Amino acid sequence: MNKRQPYREYATQAFRFLAREGSADKYISKLVDDYKRQAKSAGVSCPTEAALMHKEKLLQEHAAELADLDAAEKALIICGKDPRRAVEMIYQWNCWNELEWGDISTRVHYAEINIPASSTQIYFWLAKACKEFAIARGLRT
């Protein structure tokens, strides 16, 4: 596989976003619930009805995030069990904190022991997951 992947950072952040939000459906319901709370605190008489009317606008405003979540989910399904475990152990673990220099290689070493697989195989799986994400998202590969 080509080592130069211009979409790798984007895919990495999408996998981390997926780990934080859970799924596209959970993200949509979180957005709607947030709007319901805001509408209720603003004194809207029927916050549920207002949220349903506002849901279409929310979907349009957050279309890119939803497309990222869908593409990340599809990529993990396509990749299979062991590549999915590698993505979870390396990209999705501790997803609330920023990645620091050396985190990926440390996590790859941890995954080598726990999957078990060689680091070459794990990096191949990560590259495959990123490429599948890029294809599912419609990025140029």
C-alpha atoms as a PDB file:
ATOM      1  CA  MET A   1       0.000   0.000   0.000  1.00  0.00           C
ATOM      2  CA  ASN A   2       1.143   3.512  -0.702  1.00  0.00           C
ATOM      3  CA  LYS A   3       2.590   5.145   2.432  1.00  0.00           C
ATOM      4  CA  ARG A   4       1.454   8.591   1.318  1.00  0.00           C
ATOM      5  CA  GLN A   5      -2.176   8.889   2.264  1.00  0.00           C
ATOM      6  CA  PRO A   6      -3.366  12.497   2.246  1.00  0.00           C
ATOM      7  CA  TYR A   7      -6.655  11.401   3.847  1.00  0.00           C
ATOM      8  CA  ARG A   8      -5.054   9.538   6.787  1.00  0.00           C
ATOM      9  CA  GLU A   9      -5.322  12.383   9.325  1.00  0.00           C
ATOM     10  CA  TYR A  10      -8.911  13.082   8.291  1.00  0.00           C
ATOM     11  CA  ALA A  11      -9.814   9.402   8.635  1.00  0.00           C
ATOM     12  CA  THR A  12      -8.056   9.163  12.009  1.00  0.00           C
ATOM     13  CA  GLN A  13     -10.079  12.087  13.337  1.00  0.00           C
ATOM     14  CA  ALA A  14     -13.279  10.593  11.909  1.00  0.00           C
ATOM     15  CA  PHE A  15     -12.640   7.299  13.733  1.00  0.00           C
ATOM     16  CA  ARG A  16     -11.991   9.236  16.939  1.00  0.00           C
ATOM     17  CA  PHE A  17     -15.193  11.249  16.389  1.00  0.00           C
ATOM     18  CA  LEU A  18     -17.086   7.975  15.921  1.00  0.00           C
ATOM     19  CA  ALA A  19     -15.708   6.680  19.215  1.00  0.00           C
ATOM     20  CA  ARG A  20     -16.842   9.849  21.015  1.00  0.00           C
ATOM     21  CA  GLU A  21     -20.343   9.922  19.525  1.00  0.00           C
ATOM     22  CA  GLY A  22     -21.090   6.191  19.215  1.00  0.00           C
ATOM     23  CA  SER A  23     -22.925   6.282  15.874  1.00  0.00           C
ATOM     24  CA  ALA A  24     -24.677   8.616  13.464  1.00  0.00           C
ATOM     25  CA  ASP A  25     -28.064   7.809  15.016  1.00  0.00           C
ATOM     26  CA  LYS A  26     -26.839   8.612  18.515  1.00  0.00           C
ATOM     27  CA  TYR A  27     -25.328  11.858  17.243  1.00  0.00           C
ATOM     28  CA  ILE A  28     -28.645  12.891  15.640  1.00  0.00           C
ATOM     29  CA  SER A  29     -30.596  12.124  18.800  1.00  0.00           C
ATOM     30  CA  LYS A  30     -28.014  14.064  20.838  1.00  0.00           C
ATOM     31  CA  LEU A  31     -28.449  17.093  18.555  1.00  0.00           C
ATOM     32  CA  VAL A  32     -32.245  16.881  18.814  1.00  0.00           C
ATOM     33  CA  ASP A  33     -32.105  16.465  22.611  1.00  0.00           C
ATOM     34  CA  ASP A  34     -29.796  19.470  22.903  1.00  0.00           C
ATOM     35  CA  TYR A  35     -32.240  21.513  20.855  1.00  0.00           C
ATOM     36  CA  LYS A  36     -35.165  20.319  23.021  1.00  0.00           C
ATOM     37  CA  ARG A  37     -33.335  21.452  26.149  1.00  0.00           C
ATOM     38  CA  GLN A  38     -32.555  24.828  24.613  1.00  0.00           C
ATOM     39  CA  ALA A  39     -36.150  25.259  23.430  1.00  0.00           C
ATOM     40  CA  LYS A  40     -37.539  24.263  26.823  1.00  0.00           C
ATOM     41  CA  SER A  41     -35.269  26.710  28.654  1.00  0.00           C
ATOM     42  CA  ALA A  42     -36.211  29.439  26.156  1.00  0.00           C
ATOM     43  CA  GLY A  43     -39.894  28.951  26.992  1.00  0.00           C
ATOM     44  CA  VAL A  44     -41.070  27.194  23.806  1.00  0.00           C
ATOM     45  CA  SER A  45     -44.500  25.728  24.584  1.00  0.00           C
ATOM     46  CA  CYS A  46     -43.981  22.379  22.850  1.00  0.00           C
ATOM     47  CA  PRO A  47     -40.240  21.557  22.712  1.00  0.00           C
ATOM     48  CA  THR A  48     -40.736  18.103  21.155  1.00  0.00           C
ATOM     49  CA  GLU A  49     -42.730  19.466  18.219  1.00  0.00           C
ATOM     50  CA  ALA A  50     -40.250  22.311  17.763  1.00  0.00           C
ATOM     51  CA  ALA A  51     -37.375  19.805  17.802  1.00  0.00           C
ATOM     52  CA  LEU A  52     -39.023  17.678  15.139  1.00  0.00           C
ATOM     53  CA  MET A  53     -39.588  20.718  12.931  1.00  0.00           C
ATOM     54  CA  HIS A  54     -36.008  21.794  13.513  1.00  0.00           C
ATOM     55  CA  LYS A  55     -34.549  18.309  12.902  1.00  0.00           C
ATOM     56  CA  GLU A  56     -34.328  18.784   9.125  1.00  0.00           C
ATOM     57  CA  LYS A  57     -32.363  21.988   9.593  1.00  0.00           C
ATOM     58  CA  LEU A  58     -30.036  20.226  12.057  1.00  0.00           C
ATOM     59  CA  LEU A  59     -29.444  17.411   9.563  1.00  0.00           C
ATOM     60  CA  GLN A  60     -28.495  19.924   6.890  1.00  0.00           C
ATOM     61  CA  GLU A  61     -26.207  21.890   9.214  1.00  0.00           C
ATOM     62  CA  HIS A  62     -24.412  18.761  10.415  1.00  0.00           C
ATOM     63  CA  ALA A  63     -24.389  16.838   7.130  1.00  0.00           C
ATOM     64  CA  ALA A  64     -20.571  16.642   7.000  1.00  0.00           C
ATOM     65  CA  GLU A  65     -20.297  15.212  10.521  1.00  0.00           C
ATOM     66  CA  LEU A  66     -23.026  12.672   9.778  1.00  0.00           C
ATOM     67  CA  ALA A  67     -21.315  11.665   6.524  1.00  0.00           C
ATOM     68  CA  ASP A  68     -18.045  11.184   8.440  1.00  0.00           C
ATOM     69  CA  LEU A  69     -19.761   8.991  11.036  1.00  0.00           C
ATOM     70  CA  ASP A  70     -21.500   6.902   8.361  1.00  0.00           C
ATOM     71  CA  ALA A  71     -18.278   6.459   6.389  1.00  0.00           C
ATOM     72  CA  ALA A  72     -16.320   5.478   9.507  1.00  0.00           C
ATOM     73  CA  GLU A  73     -18.974   2.918  10.464  1.00  0.00           C
ATOM     74  CA  LYS A  74     -18.983   1.465   6.928  1.00  0.00           C
ATOM     75  CA  ALA A  75     -15.190   1.281   6.836  1.00  0.00           C
ATOM     76  CA  LEU A  76     -15.065  -0.641  10.105  1.00  0.00           C
ATOM     77  CA  ILE A  77     -17.707  -3.079   8.880  1.00  0.00           C
ATOM     78  CA  ILE A  78     -15.877  -3.645   5.583  1.00  0.00           C
ATOM     79  CA  CYS A  79     -12.474  -4.144   7.221  1.00  0.00           C
ATOM     80  CA  GLY A  80     -13.431  -7.063   9.435  1.00  0.00           C
ATOM     81  CA  LYS A  81     -12.770  -8.163  13.013  1.00  0.00           C
ATOM     82  CA  ASP A  82      -9.006  -7.798  13.529  1.00  0.00           C
ATOM     83  CA  PRO A  83      -8.616  -4.505  11.634  1.00  0.00           C
ATOM     84  CA  ARG A  84     -11.578  -3.168  13.608  1.00  0.00           C
ATOM     85  CA  ARG A  85      -9.874  -4.156  16.866  1.00  0.00           C
ATOM     86  CA  ALA A  86      -6.706  -2.414  15.696  1.00  0.00           C
ATOM     87  CA  VAL A  87      -8.608   0.793  14.912  1.00  0.00           C
ATOM     88  CA  GLU A  88     -10.361   0.630  18.282  1.00  0.00           C
ATOM     89  CA  MET A  89      -7.113   0.049  20.188  1.00  0.00           C
ATOM     90  CA  ILE A  90      -5.076   2.641  18.319  1.00  0.00           C
ATOM     91  CA  TYR A  91      -7.324   5.420  17.017  1.00  0.00           C
ATOM     92  CA  GLN A  92     -10.387   5.182  19.228  1.00  0.00           C
ATOM     93  CA  TRP A  93      -8.873   4.565  22.643  1.00  0.00           C
ATOM     94  CA  ASN A  94      -8.861   7.682  24.840  1.00  0.00           C
ATOM     95  CA  CYS A  95     -10.618   9.611  22.061  1.00  0.00           C
ATOM     96  CA  TRP A  96     -11.457  12.614  24.262  1.00  0.00           C
ATOM     97  CA  ASN A  97      -7.793  13.656  24.481  1.00  0.00           C
ATOM     98  CA  GLU A  98      -5.657  14.911  21.611  1.00  0.00           C
ATOM     99  CA  LEU A  99      -3.117  12.527  20.129  1.00  0.00           C
ATOM    100  CA  GLU A 100       0.421  13.343  21.192  1.00  0.00           C
ATOM    101  CA  TRP A 101       3.641  12.556  19.399  1.00  0.00           C
ATOM    102  CA  GLY A 102       4.436   8.844  19.800  1.00  0.00           C
ATOM    103  CA  ASP A 103       0.924   7.779  20.866  1.00  0.00           C
ATOM    104  CA  ILE A 104       0.245   5.807  17.687  1.00  0.00           C
ATOM    105  CA  SER A 105       3.478   3.788  17.824  1.00  0.00           C
ATOM    106  CA  THR A 106       2.961   3.077  21.535  1.00  0.00           C
ATOM    107  CA  ARG A 107      -0.572   1.879  20.857  1.00  0.00           C
ATOM    108  CA  VAL A 108       0.592  -0.213  17.898  1.00  0.00           C
ATOM    109  CA  HIS A 109       3.043  -1.962  20.191  1.00  0.00           C
ATOM    110  CA  TYR A 110       0.234  -2.587  22.697  1.00  0.00           C
ATOM    111  CA  ALA A 111      -1.983  -3.943  19.883  1.00  0.00           C
ATOM    112  CA  GLU A 112       0.835  -6.246  18.694  1.00  0.00           C
ATOM    113  CA  ILE A 113       0.682  -8.014  22.016  1.00  0.00           C
ATOM    114  CA  ASN A 114      -3.081  -8.095  22.441  1.00  0.00           C
ATOM    115  CA  ILE A 115      -4.410  -8.905  18.954  1.00  0.00           C
ATOM    116  CA  PRO A 116      -1.697 -10.665  18.316  1.00  0.00           C
ATOM    117  CA  ALA A 117      -0.243  -9.502  15.037  1.00  0.00           C
ATOM    118  CA  SER A 118       2.958  -7.937  13.784  1.00  0.00           C
ATOM    119  CA  SER A 119       3.328  -4.173  13.682  1.00  0.00           C
ATOM    120  CA  THR A 120       3.560  -4.377   9.889  1.00  0.00           C
ATOM    121  CA  GLN A 121       0.199  -6.143   9.757  1.00  0.00           C
ATOM    122  CA  ILE A 122      -1.362  -3.629  12.149  1.00  0.00           C
ATOM    123  CA  TYR A 123      -0.129  -0.657  10.118  1.00  0.00           C
ATOM    124  CA  PHE A 124      -1.494  -2.380   7.008  1.00  0.00           C
ATOM    125  CA  TRP A 125      -4.895  -2.752   8.708  1.00  0.00           C
ATOM    126  CA  LEU A 126      -4.888   0.890   9.759  1.00  0.00           C
ATOM    127  CA  ALA A 127      -4.029   1.984   6.210  1.00  0.00           C
ATOM    128  CA  LYS A 128      -6.795  -0.258   4.868  1.00  0.00           C
ATOM    129  CA  ALA A 129      -9.327   1.213   7.314  1.00  0.00           C
ATOM    130  CA  CYS A 130      -8.319   4.746   6.332  1.00  0.00           C
ATOM    131  CA  LYS A 131      -8.616   3.907   2.649  1.00  0.00           C
ATOM    132  CA  GLU A 132     -12.031   2.292   3.122  1.00  0.00           C
ATOM    133  CA  PHE A 133     -13.138   5.398   5.025  1.00  0.00           C
ATOM    134  CA  ALA A 134     -11.925   7.634   2.199  1.00  0.00           C
ATOM    135  CA  ILE A 135     -13.764   5.547  -0.379  1.00  0.00           C
ATOM    136  CA  ALA A 136     -16.975   5.486   1.681  1.00  0.00           C
ATOM    137  CA  ARG A 137     -16.715   9.253   2.261  1.00  0.00           C
ATOM    138  CA  GLY A 138     -16.101   9.910  -1.445  1.00  0.00           C
ATOM    139  CA  LEU A 139     -12.605  11.319  -1.037  1.00  0.00           C
ATOM    140  CA  ARG A 140      -9.974  11.084  -3.738  1.00  0.00           C
ATOM    141  CA  THR A 141      -7.689   8.097  -3.039  1.00  0.00           C
END
